[in-house]
Amino acid sequence: MYDFHLLAKELSGVKSPIKHVFVVFTGMMLTGNIPTKEQIQTSYTMVQLLPFFEHGTVDSRPHLADFMDRYNKGQESRLVEGNRIDFGTTNPKFIGRL
């Protein structure tokens, strides 16, 4: 575990031309609530250490569900060019058929 508040405070005292410092990691910051194993496995957190302390966490589960729906349709990637939409996939049941 890391104390990002303390790290931000220590970094604020360091003379450096670097004005913005961010840390991005899988998982979440502990804020008093005990997260579930699933929350820990599907969350990503970004912490801004400089010029001021701020943090945010994103739960990827809604995005993964959408991705799996598109994967199962063979449409997880999309290229829009003019009036044309082309789909790409890595799903083996669609490779060579689209």
N, C-alpha and C. Protein backbone atom coordinates (compact mmCIF):
# COMPACT_ATOMS: atom_id res chain seq x y z
N MET A 1 0.84 -1.17 0.00
CA MET A 1 0.00 0.00 0.00
C MET A 1 0.88 1.24 0.00
N TYR A 2 0.38 2.29 -0.63
CA TYR A 2 1.11 3.55 -0.72
C TYR A 2 0.25 4.67 -0.15
N ASP A 3 0.89 5.62 0.52
CA ASP A 3 0.21 6.79 1.03
C ASP A 3 0.41 7.91 0.01
N PHE A 4 -0.54 8.04 -0.91
CA PHE A 4 -0.39 9.04 -1.98
C PHE A 4 -0.51 10.47 -1.45
N HIS A 5 -1.27 10.67 -0.37
CA HIS A 5 -1.32 12.01 0.23
C HIS A 5 0.07 12.43 0.71
N LEU A 6 0.75 11.54 1.40
CA LEU A 6 2.10 11.82 1.88
C LEU A 6 3.06 12.03 0.71
N LEU A 7 2.96 11.19 -0.32
CA LEU A 7 3.83 11.33 -1.48
C LEU A 7 3.61 12.68 -2.16
N ALA A 8 2.35 13.10 -2.30
CA ALA A 8 2.06 14.40 -2.91
C ALA A 8 2.67 15.53 -2.09
N LYS A 9 2.56 15.43 -0.77
CA LYS A 9 3.13 16.45 0.11
C LYS A 9 4.65 16.51 -0.03
N GLU A 10 5.29 15.34 -0.07
CA GLU A 10 6.75 15.31 -0.22
C GLU A 10 7.19 15.84 -1.58
N LEU A 11 6.45 15.50 -2.64
CA LEU A 11 6.81 15.97 -3.97
C LEU A 11 6.66 17.48 -4.11
N SER A 12 5.70 18.06 -3.38
CA SER A 12 5.49 19.50 -3.48
C SER A 12 6.71 20.28 -2.98
N GLY A 13 7.54 19.66 -2.16
CA GLY A 13 8.75 20.31 -1.66
C GLY A 13 9.98 20.09 -2.52
N VAL A 14 9.86 19.32 -3.58
CA VAL A 14 11.01 19.02 -4.45
C VAL A 14 11.07 20.06 -5.57
N LYS A 15 12.23 20.70 -5.73
CA LYS A 15 12.42 21.64 -6.83
C LYS A 15 12.64 20.86 -8.11
N SER A 16 11.76 21.12 -9.09
CA SER A 16 11.84 20.38 -10.34
C SER A 16 11.11 21.15 -11.43
N PRO A 17 11.56 21.01 -12.69
CA PRO A 17 10.82 21.63 -13.79
C PRO A 17 9.51 20.85 -14.10
N ILE A 18 9.37 19.68 -13.52
CA ILE A 18 8.16 18.88 -13.74
C ILE A 18 7.03 19.48 -12.91
N LYS A 19 5.97 19.88 -13.58
CA LYS A 19 4.88 20.57 -12.89
C LYS A 19 3.66 19.68 -12.64
N HIS A 20 3.52 18.61 -13.41
CA HIS A 20 2.37 17.71 -13.26
C HIS A 20 2.88 16.28 -13.09
N VAL A 21 2.37 15.60 -12.07
CA VAL A 21 2.75 14.21 -11.82
C VAL A 21 1.47 13.41 -11.60
N PHE A 22 1.34 12.33 -12.36
CA PHE A 22 0.18 11.44 -12.26
C PHE A 22 0.65 10.02 -12.04
N VAL A 23 -0.14 9.24 -11.33
CA VAL A 23 0.09 7.81 -11.16
C VAL A 23 -1.20 7.12 -11.59
N VAL A 24 -1.08 6.13 -12.47
CA VAL A 24 -2.24 5.36 -12.92
C VAL A 24 -1.98 3.90 -12.61
N PHE A 25 -2.99 3.24 -12.03
CA PHE A 25 -2.79 1.84 -11.66
C PHE A 25 -4.12 1.09 -11.65
N THR A 26 -4.04 -0.23 -11.75
CA THR A 26 -5.23 -1.05 -11.59
C THR A 26 -5.52 -1.16 -10.11
N GLY A 27 -6.79 -1.16 -9.78
CA GLY A 27 -7.19 -1.21 -8.38
C GLY A 27 -7.77 0.12 -7.97
N MET A 28 -7.94 0.29 -6.67
CA MET A 28 -8.56 1.51 -6.17
C MET A 28 -7.90 1.96 -4.89
N MET A 29 -8.12 3.22 -4.58
CA MET A 29 -7.61 3.76 -3.33
C MET A 29 -8.54 3.32 -2.21
N LEU A 30 -7.96 3.01 -1.09
CA LEU A 30 -8.77 2.63 0.08
C LEU A 30 -9.22 3.90 0.78
N THR A 31 -10.53 4.06 0.91
CA THR A 31 -11.07 5.29 1.48
C THR A 31 -11.96 5.01 2.68
N GLY A 32 -11.88 3.83 3.25
CA GLY A 32 -12.71 3.49 4.40
C GLY A 32 -13.65 2.35 4.10
N ASN A 33 -14.18 2.29 2.89
CA ASN A 33 -15.04 1.17 2.50
C ASN A 33 -14.17 0.03 2.00
N ILE A 34 -14.50 -1.18 2.39
CA ILE A 34 -13.73 -2.33 1.93
C ILE A 34 -14.30 -2.78 0.59
N PRO A 35 -13.48 -2.68 -0.48
CA PRO A 35 -13.98 -3.07 -1.80
C PRO A 35 -14.06 -4.59 -1.94
N THR A 36 -14.93 -5.03 -2.85
CA THR A 36 -15.03 -6.45 -3.14
C THR A 36 -13.87 -6.85 -4.04
N LYS A 37 -13.62 -8.14 -4.13
CA LYS A 37 -12.56 -8.64 -5.01
C LYS A 37 -12.84 -8.22 -6.45
N GLU A 38 -14.11 -8.31 -6.88
CA GLU A 38 -14.47 -7.92 -8.25
C GLU A 38 -14.21 -6.44 -8.49
N GLN A 39 -14.53 -5.59 -7.51
CA GLN A 39 -14.27 -4.15 -7.66
C GLN A 39 -12.78 -3.88 -7.83
N ILE A 40 -11.98 -4.55 -7.05
CA ILE A 40 -10.53 -4.36 -7.15
C ILE A 40 -10.02 -4.80 -8.52
N GLN A 41 -10.53 -5.92 -9.03
CA GLN A 41 -10.05 -6.47 -10.29
C GLN A 41 -10.51 -5.68 -11.51
N THR A 42 -11.58 -4.91 -11.39
CA THR A 42 -12.12 -4.23 -12.57
C THR A 42 -12.03 -2.71 -12.47
N SER A 43 -11.28 -2.20 -11.51
CA SER A 43 -11.16 -0.76 -11.32
C SER A 43 -9.77 -0.26 -11.69
N TYR A 44 -9.75 0.96 -12.21
CA TYR A 44 -8.51 1.65 -12.55
C TYR A 44 -8.55 3.02 -11.88
N THR A 45 -7.42 3.43 -11.33
CA THR A 45 -7.36 4.69 -10.59
C THR A 45 -6.26 5.57 -11.15
N MET A 46 -6.56 6.88 -11.21
CA MET A 46 -5.55 7.86 -11.57
C MET A 46 -5.45 8.84 -10.40
N VAL A 47 -4.22 9.09 -9.97
CA VAL A 47 -3.97 10.02 -8.87
C VAL A 47 -3.09 11.13 -9.41
N GLN A 48 -3.51 12.36 -9.22
CA GLN A 48 -2.67 13.51 -9.55
C GLN A 48 -1.95 13.92 -8.28
N LEU A 49 -0.62 13.92 -8.33
CA LEU A 49 0.19 14.28 -7.17
C LEU A 49 0.62 15.74 -7.21
N LEU A 50 0.86 16.26 -8.40
CA LEU A 50 1.24 17.66 -8.58
C LEU A 50 0.47 18.23 -9.75
N PRO A 51 0.10 19.47 -9.77
CA PRO A 51 0.41 20.52 -8.80
C PRO A 51 -0.47 20.46 -7.55
N PHE A 52 -1.53 19.64 -7.56
CA PHE A 52 -2.35 19.45 -6.36
C PHE A 52 -2.84 18.00 -6.35
N PHE A 53 -3.28 17.56 -5.20
CA PHE A 53 -3.71 16.17 -5.03
C PHE A 53 -5.17 16.03 -5.46
N GLU A 54 -5.41 15.05 -6.32
CA GLU A 54 -6.78 14.70 -6.76
C GLU A 54 -6.74 13.26 -7.21
N HIS A 55 -7.86 12.56 -7.11
CA HIS A 55 -7.89 11.18 -7.59
C HIS A 55 -9.28 10.81 -8.09
N GLY A 56 -9.30 9.82 -8.96
CA GLY A 56 -10.56 9.31 -9.48
C GLY A 56 -10.40 7.85 -9.85
N THR A 57 -11.48 7.09 -9.73
CA THR A 57 -11.46 5.66 -10.04
C THR A 57 -12.55 5.36 -11.05
N VAL A 58 -12.23 4.52 -12.02
CA VAL A 58 -13.19 4.10 -13.05
C VAL A 58 -13.40 2.61 -12.93
N ASP A 59 -14.64 2.19 -12.92
CA ASP A 59 -14.99 0.76 -12.91
C ASP A 59 -15.16 0.34 -14.36
N SER A 60 -14.38 -0.62 -14.81
CA SER A 60 -14.41 -1.03 -16.22
C SER A 60 -15.51 -2.03 -16.54
N ARG A 61 -16.26 -2.52 -15.55
CA ARG A 61 -17.27 -3.55 -15.81
C ARG A 61 -18.30 -3.14 -16.86
N PRO A 62 -18.88 -1.94 -16.82
CA PRO A 62 -19.85 -1.59 -17.86
C PRO A 62 -19.23 -1.58 -19.26
N HIS A 63 -17.97 -1.16 -19.34
CA HIS A 63 -17.28 -1.11 -20.63
C HIS A 63 -16.90 -2.51 -21.10
N LEU A 64 -16.56 -3.39 -20.17
CA LEU A 64 -16.24 -4.77 -20.54
C LEU A 64 -17.47 -5.50 -21.03
N ALA A 65 -18.62 -5.24 -20.42
CA ALA A 65 -19.87 -5.88 -20.87
C ALA A 65 -20.17 -5.46 -22.30
N ASP A 66 -20.03 -4.16 -22.58
CA ASP A 66 -20.26 -3.67 -23.93
C ASP A 66 -19.26 -4.29 -24.90
N PHE A 67 -18.01 -4.39 -24.48
CA PHE A 67 -16.98 -4.99 -25.34
C PHE A 67 -17.33 -6.44 -25.64
N MET A 68 -17.75 -7.20 -24.63
CA MET A 68 -18.08 -8.62 -24.86
C MET A 68 -19.29 -8.77 -25.78
N ASP A 69 -20.27 -7.88 -25.65
CA ASP A 69 -21.42 -7.91 -26.57
C ASP A 69 -20.94 -7.71 -28.00
N ARG A 70 -20.09 -6.73 -28.20
CA ARG A 70 -19.56 -6.45 -29.55
C ARG A 70 -18.65 -7.58 -30.04
N TYR A 71 -17.84 -8.14 -29.14
CA TYR A 71 -16.97 -9.25 -29.49
C TYR A 71 -17.80 -10.43 -29.99
N ASN A 72 -18.87 -10.74 -29.29
CA ASN A 72 -19.73 -11.86 -29.68
C ASN A 72 -20.44 -11.62 -31.01
N LYS A 73 -20.55 -10.35 -31.43
CA LYS A 73 -21.14 -10.02 -32.74
C LYS A 73 -20.06 -9.86 -33.81
N GLY A 74 -18.77 -9.94 -33.40
CA GLY A 74 -17.67 -9.73 -34.34
C GLY A 74 -17.49 -8.27 -34.69
N GLN A 75 -17.79 -7.38 -33.74
CA GLN A 75 -17.75 -5.94 -34.03
C GLN A 75 -17.04 -5.15 -32.93
N GLU A 76 -16.01 -5.70 -32.32
CA GLU A 76 -15.41 -4.97 -31.20
C GLU A 76 -14.55 -3.79 -31.64
N SER A 77 -14.18 -3.73 -32.88
CA SER A 77 -13.51 -2.51 -33.36
C SER A 77 -14.26 -1.99 -34.58
N ARG A 78 -14.24 -0.68 -34.73
CA ARG A 78 -15.03 -0.06 -35.78
C ARG A 78 -14.21 1.03 -36.44
N LEU A 79 -14.25 1.06 -37.75
CA LEU A 79 -13.59 2.10 -38.53
C LEU A 79 -14.65 2.80 -39.36
N VAL A 80 -14.80 4.10 -39.15
CA VAL A 80 -15.76 4.89 -39.91
C VAL A 80 -14.98 5.73 -40.88
N GLU A 81 -15.29 5.58 -42.16
CA GLU A 81 -14.61 6.34 -43.21
C GLU A 81 -15.66 6.82 -44.20
N GLY A 82 -15.88 8.12 -44.21
CA GLY A 82 -16.92 8.67 -45.07
C GLY A 82 -18.28 8.14 -44.64
N ASN A 83 -19.02 7.56 -45.58
CA ASN A 83 -20.33 6.98 -45.29
C ASN A 83 -20.25 5.49 -44.99
N ARG A 84 -19.06 4.97 -44.86
CA ARG A 84 -18.86 3.53 -44.71
C ARG A 84 -18.40 3.18 -43.30
N ILE A 85 -18.94 2.09 -42.76
CA ILE A 85 -18.51 1.59 -41.45
C ILE A 85 -18.00 0.17 -41.63
N ASP A 86 -16.75 -0.07 -41.25
CA ASP A 86 -16.16 -1.41 -41.30
C ASP A 86 -15.90 -1.86 -39.87
N PHE A 87 -16.14 -3.14 -39.61
CA PHE A 87 -15.91 -3.71 -38.29
C PHE A 87 -14.73 -4.65 -38.34
N GLY A 88 -14.01 -4.74 -37.22
CA GLY A 88 -12.91 -5.68 -37.08
C GLY A 88 -13.12 -6.49 -35.82
N THR A 89 -12.52 -7.66 -35.78
CA THR A 89 -12.67 -8.52 -34.61
C THR A 89 -11.47 -9.44 -34.47
N THR A 90 -11.27 -9.91 -33.26
CA THR A 90 -10.30 -10.97 -33.01
C THR A 90 -11.02 -12.25 -32.63
N ASN A 91 -12.35 -12.24 -32.70
CA ASN A 91 -13.16 -13.41 -32.37
C ASN A 91 -12.95 -14.46 -33.47
N PRO A 92 -12.39 -15.64 -33.14
CA PRO A 92 -12.07 -16.65 -34.15
C PRO A 92 -13.28 -17.11 -34.98
N LYS A 93 -14.47 -17.05 -34.43
CA LYS A 93 -15.63 -17.52 -35.22
C LYS A 93 -15.99 -16.56 -36.35
N PHE A 94 -15.43 -15.35 -36.36
CA PHE A 94 -15.70 -14.40 -37.43
C PHE A 94 -14.50 -14.13 -38.34
N ILE A 95 -13.33 -14.57 -37.95
CA ILE A 95 -12.12 -14.30 -38.74
C ILE A 95 -12.30 -14.90 -40.12
N GLY A 96 -12.10 -14.05 -41.14
CA GLY A 96 -12.23 -14.51 -42.52
C GLY A 96 -13.65 -14.50 -43.05
N ARG A 97 -14.64 -14.20 -42.20
CA ARG A 97 -16.03 -14.21 -42.65
C ARG A 97 -16.60 -12.81 -42.82
N LEU A 98 -15.96 -11.82 -42.22
CA LEU A 98 -16.51 -10.46 -42.32
C LEU A 98 -16.14 -9.81 -43.61
